[in-house]
N, C-alpha and C. Protein backbone atom coordinates (compact mmCIF):
# COMPACT_ATOMS: atom_id res chain seq x y z
N UNK A 1 98.38 89.57 75.18
CA UNK A 1 99.08 90.93 75.04
C UNK A 1 100.57 90.87 74.85
N UNK A 2 101.12 91.60 73.70
CA UNK A 2 102.86 90.88 73.38
C UNK A 2 103.55 91.52 74.78
N UNK A 3 104.86 90.87 74.81
CA UNK A 3 105.86 91.64 75.83
C UNK A 3 105.97 93.24 75.51
N UNK A 4 105.69 93.44 74.16
CA UNK A 4 106.16 95.20 74.17
C UNK A 4 105.04 95.94 74.79
N UNK A 5 103.54 95.37 74.61
CA UNK A 5 102.50 95.90 75.36
C UNK A 5 102.40 95.78 76.64
N UNK A 6 103.01 94.66 77.05
CA UNK A 6 102.76 94.57 78.55
C UNK A 6 103.56 95.67 79.40
N UNK A 7 105.11 95.61 78.57
CA UNK A 7 105.97 96.61 79.27
C UNK A 7 105.39 98.25 79.23
N UNK A 8 104.71 98.44 78.08
CA UNK A 8 103.89 99.89 78.02
C UNK A 8 102.87 100.21 79.01
N UNK A 9 102.07 98.85 79.28
CA UNK A 9 101.08 98.93 79.91
C UNK A 9 102.24 99.33 81.38
N UNK A 10 102.90 98.65 82.10
CA UNK A 10 103.33 98.86 83.18
C UNK A 10 103.71 100.13 83.41
N UNK A 11 104.66 100.76 82.30
CA UNK A 11 104.94 102.32 82.28
C UNK A 11 103.90 103.14 82.53
N UNK A 12 102.64 102.82 81.47
CA UNK A 12 101.40 103.66 81.95
C UNK A 12 101.07 103.82 82.83
N UNK A 13 100.79 102.34 83.62
CA UNK A 13 100.01 102.44 85.06
C UNK A 13 100.57 102.38 86.00
N UNK A 14 102.01 102.10 86.13
CA UNK A 14 103.06 102.23 87.11
C UNK A 14 102.78 101.07 88.00
N UNK A 15 102.23 100.00 87.42
CA UNK A 15 102.12 98.83 88.25
C UNK A 15 103.54 97.95 88.22
N UNK A 16 103.95 97.03 89.27
CA UNK A 16 104.80 96.37 89.07
C UNK A 16 104.54 95.05 88.29
N UNK A 17 105.44 94.28 87.83
CA UNK A 17 105.39 92.80 87.03
C UNK A 17 104.41 92.02 88.00
N UNK A 18 104.59 92.04 89.61
CA UNK A 18 103.65 91.66 90.25
C UNK A 18 102.43 91.94 90.43
N UNK A 19 102.08 93.11 90.16
CA UNK A 19 101.01 93.75 90.48
C UNK A 19 100.05 93.57 89.32
N UNK A 20 100.99 93.67 87.97
CA UNK A 20 100.22 93.04 86.50
C UNK A 20 99.45 91.88 86.72
N UNK A 21 100.53 90.77 87.13
CA UNK A 21 100.21 89.27 87.17
C UNK A 21 99.07 89.09 87.91
N UNK A 22 98.95 90.01 89.20
CA UNK A 22 97.96 89.81 90.29
C UNK A 22 96.60 90.21 89.38
N UNK A 23 96.81 91.34 89.01
CA UNK A 23 95.39 91.86 88.02
C UNK A 23 94.79 91.08 87.32
N UNK A 24 95.87 90.61 86.15
CA UNK A 24 95.30 89.56 85.45
C UNK A 24 94.70 88.26 85.78
N UNK A 25 95.56 87.98 86.84
CA UNK A 25 95.19 86.24 87.40
C UNK A 25 93.90 86.90 88.02
N UNK A 26 93.65 87.63 88.88
CA UNK A 26 92.44 87.56 89.55
C UNK A 26 91.35 88.50 89.32
N UNK A 27 91.31 88.95 87.99
CA UNK A 27 90.40 89.92 87.32
C UNK A 27 90.90 91.45 87.74
N UNK A 28 90.18 92.36 87.31
CA UNK A 28 90.63 93.85 87.37
C UNK A 28 90.03 94.55 88.63
N UNK A 29 88.99 93.55 89.44
CA UNK A 29 88.53 94.17 90.67
C UNK A 29 89.41 94.54 91.97
N UNK A 30 90.71 94.21 91.68
CA UNK A 30 91.61 95.01 92.51
C UNK A 30 91.87 96.48 92.34
N UNK A 31 92.06 97.02 93.57
CA UNK A 31 92.25 98.52 93.65
C UNK A 31 93.75 98.77 94.27
N UNK A 32 94.73 99.53 93.39
CA UNK A 32 96.22 99.32 93.83
C UNK A 32 96.32 100.78 94.81
N UNK A 33 95.30 101.31 94.60
CA UNK A 33 95.41 102.59 95.34
C UNK A 33 95.16 102.32 96.79
N UNK A 34 95.96 102.21 97.85
CA UNK A 34 95.15 102.18 99.18
C UNK A 34 94.38 103.33 100.09
N UNK A 35 94.86 104.71 99.23
CA UNK A 35 94.38 105.92 99.55
C UNK A 35 92.66 105.81 99.35
N UNK A 36 92.30 105.04 98.71
CA UNK A 36 90.92 105.00 98.23
C UNK A 36 90.31 104.00 98.89
N UNK A 37 91.00 103.11 100.12
CA UNK A 37 90.26 102.17 100.57
C UNK A 37 89.63 102.80 101.70
N UNK A 38 88.62 102.55 102.04
CA UNK A 38 87.78 102.65 103.22
C UNK A 38 88.48 102.62 104.59
N UNK A 39 88.54 103.56 105.32
CA UNK A 39 89.00 103.50 106.90
C UNK A 39 88.01 103.81 107.51
N UNK A 40 86.89 102.99 107.62
CA UNK A 40 85.99 103.25 108.56
C UNK A 40 85.67 101.76 109.38
N UNK A 41 86.16 100.86 109.38
CA UNK A 41 86.33 99.59 109.97
C UNK A 41 85.75 98.55 109.21
N UNK A 42 85.53 98.83 108.12
CA UNK A 42 85.21 97.88 106.85
C UNK A 42 86.25 96.70 106.62
N UNK A 43 85.80 95.50 106.83
CA UNK A 43 86.68 94.47 106.39
C UNK A 43 86.96 94.32 104.63
N UNK A 44 88.18 94.08 104.46
CA UNK A 44 88.48 94.02 102.97
C UNK A 44 89.38 92.77 102.91
N UNK A 45 89.38 92.50 101.38
CA UNK A 45 90.55 91.37 101.14
C UNK A 45 91.72 92.51 100.53
N UNK A 46 92.69 92.05 101.25
CA UNK A 46 94.18 92.73 100.73
C UNK A 46 94.98 91.79 100.17
N UNK A 47 96.02 92.63 99.57
CA UNK A 47 97.20 91.68 99.25
C UNK A 47 98.57 92.46 100.05
N UNK A 48 98.86 91.41 101.06
CA UNK A 48 99.92 91.48 102.03
C UNK A 48 100.88 90.79 101.74
N UNK A 49 102.57 91.14 101.46
CA UNK A 49 103.34 90.09 101.29
C UNK A 49 102.88 89.33 100.06
N UNK A 50 102.60 89.55 99.46
CA UNK A 50 102.09 88.39 98.27
C UNK A 50 101.08 87.56 98.24
N UNK A 51 100.05 87.47 99.33
CA UNK A 51 99.11 86.83 100.17
C UNK A 51 98.16 87.73 100.30
N UNK A 52 96.84 86.90 100.07
CA UNK A 52 95.55 87.39 100.13
C UNK A 52 95.21 87.20 101.52
N UNK A 53 94.32 88.07 102.14
CA UNK A 53 94.12 88.14 103.54
C UNK A 53 93.08 89.10 103.78
N UNK A 54 92.59 89.23 105.10
CA UNK A 54 91.34 90.06 105.24
C UNK A 54 92.07 91.50 106.26
N UNK A 55 91.69 92.50 105.99
CA UNK A 55 92.40 93.49 106.38
C UNK A 55 91.23 94.63 106.79
N UNK A 56 91.71 95.26 107.90
CA UNK A 56 91.00 96.86 108.18
C UNK A 56 91.63 97.74 108.56
N UNK A 57 91.24 99.00 108.53
CA UNK A 57 92.00 100.09 109.15
C UNK A 57 91.36 100.25 110.64
N UNK A 58 92.38 100.35 111.47
CA UNK A 58 91.94 100.34 112.72
C UNK A 58 93.21 100.56 113.74
N UNK A 59 92.76 100.50 115.13
CA UNK A 59 93.91 100.44 116.09
C UNK A 59 94.50 99.64 116.27
N UNK A 60 95.93 99.51 116.63
CA UNK A 60 96.72 98.07 117.02
C UNK A 60 96.65 98.05 118.14
N UNK A 61 96.02 97.09 118.75
CA UNK A 61 96.01 96.59 120.33
C UNK A 61 95.56 97.03 121.17
N UNK A 62 96.54 97.70 122.10
CA UNK A 62 96.29 98.59 123.43
C UNK A 62 96.65 99.76 123.39
N UNK A 63 97.67 100.05 122.15
CA UNK A 63 98.27 101.15 121.71
C UNK A 63 97.41 102.08 120.73
N UNK A 64 97.58 103.45 121.01
CA UNK A 64 96.93 104.54 119.91
C UNK A 64 97.35 104.62 118.83
N UNK A 65 97.84 103.51 117.93
CA UNK A 65 98.50 103.50 116.74
C UNK A 65 97.43 102.78 115.65
N UNK A 66 97.17 103.74 114.81
CA UNK A 66 96.34 103.55 113.73
C UNK A 66 97.09 103.19 112.18
N UNK A 67 96.41 102.43 111.46
CA UNK A 67 97.00 101.85 110.29
C UNK A 67 96.24 100.46 110.02
N UNK A 68 96.95 99.80 108.81
CA UNK A 68 96.13 98.65 108.06
C UNK A 68 96.33 97.44 109.14
N UNK A 69 95.42 96.33 109.32
CA UNK A 69 95.64 95.44 110.30
C UNK A 69 95.41 94.05 109.51
N UNK A 70 96.11 93.24 109.86
CA UNK A 70 95.74 91.92 108.95
C UNK A 70 94.66 91.36 110.08
N UNK A 71 93.76 90.80 109.63
CA UNK A 71 92.80 90.40 110.65
C UNK A 71 92.97 88.74 111.13
N UNK A 72 93.62 88.49 110.08
CA UNK A 72 93.92 86.75 110.04
C UNK A 72 95.33 86.47 111.13
N UNK A 73 96.11 87.36 111.31
CA UNK A 73 97.04 87.04 112.28
C UNK A 73 97.08 87.34 113.72
N UNK A 74 97.41 86.54 114.45
CA UNK A 74 97.44 86.48 116.13
C UNK A 74 95.61 86.53 116.50
N UNK A 75 95.66 87.25 117.75
CA UNK A 75 94.38 87.20 118.23
C UNK A 75 93.99 88.29 118.07
N UNK A 76 92.44 88.78 118.76
CA UNK A 76 91.87 90.12 118.76
C UNK A 76 93.12 91.19 119.70
N UNK A 77 93.82 90.79 120.58
CA UNK A 77 94.45 91.41 121.57
C UNK A 77 95.61 91.97 120.80
N UNK A 78 96.14 91.36 119.78
CA UNK A 78 97.68 91.21 119.30
C UNK A 78 97.49 91.40 117.79
N UNK A 79 96.94 92.58 117.23
CA UNK A 79 97.07 92.73 115.82
C UNK A 79 98.36 93.88 115.56
N UNK A 80 98.75 93.06 114.55
CA UNK A 80 99.74 94.04 114.02
C UNK A 80 99.44 94.82 112.78
N UNK A 81 100.41 96.17 112.58
CA UNK A 81 100.30 96.55 111.00
C UNK A 81 100.57 95.61 110.37
N UNK A 82 100.07 95.95 109.20
CA UNK A 82 100.30 95.26 107.77
C UNK A 82 100.63 96.33 106.75
N UNK A 83 100.88 96.28 105.77
CA UNK A 83 101.39 97.10 104.46
C UNK A 83 100.77 96.37 103.18
N UNK A 84 99.43 96.51 103.40
CA UNK A 84 98.65 95.96 101.69
C UNK A 84 99.31 97.14 100.33
N UNK A 85 99.03 96.24 99.60
CA UNK A 85 99.44 96.87 98.27
C UNK A 85 98.30 96.85 97.21
N UNK A 86 97.53 96.21 97.45
CA UNK A 86 96.36 96.33 97.02
C UNK A 86 94.67 95.73 97.72
N UNK A 87 93.71 96.25 97.28
CA UNK A 87 92.41 95.78 98.01
C UNK A 87 91.16 95.88 96.83
N UNK A 88 90.20 94.95 97.77
CA UNK A 88 89.07 94.92 96.98
C UNK A 88 88.01 94.61 97.88
N UNK A 89 86.77 94.85 97.74
CA UNK A 89 85.60 94.58 98.88
C UNK A 89 85.39 93.03 99.13
N UNK A 90 84.89 92.55 100.26
CA UNK A 90 84.83 91.35 100.64
C UNK A 90 83.28 90.86 99.62
N UNK A 91 83.38 89.82 99.10
CA UNK A 91 82.06 89.38 98.33
C UNK A 91 80.90 89.41 99.34
N UNK A 92 79.30 89.68 98.68
CA UNK A 92 78.33 89.53 99.52
C UNK A 92 78.47 88.03 100.02
N UNK A 93 77.76 88.13 101.03
CA UNK A 93 77.79 86.58 101.64
C UNK A 93 76.56 85.90 100.74
N UNK A 94 76.35 84.62 100.97
CA UNK A 94 75.34 83.85 100.19
C UNK A 94 74.15 83.91 100.56
N UNK A 95 73.07 83.71 100.13
CA UNK A 95 71.59 84.17 100.44
C UNK A 95 71.48 82.83 100.61
N UNK A 96 70.59 82.41 101.56
CA UNK A 96 69.53 81.18 101.49
C UNK A 96 68.93 80.59 100.55
């Protein structure tokens, strides 16, 4: 892809340079529309602050505030909201 084609692709898709780099570095299976992510408690791989992590949609700790949660931070009683920019399903577990 030439620089001109890259800039046109960014204009056409609305993706940032970082999101384009992520897409091409890690394959095209990332979804950049968080509205399409399941909000039923399914664990997902999410991109949060330029880091891959495990996320889910749910309730924050003991208060009734719902949103995206980084499951790798803190303990089960201290979940914080995060702001993922991309997501994809977890891979299937290996078969024995």
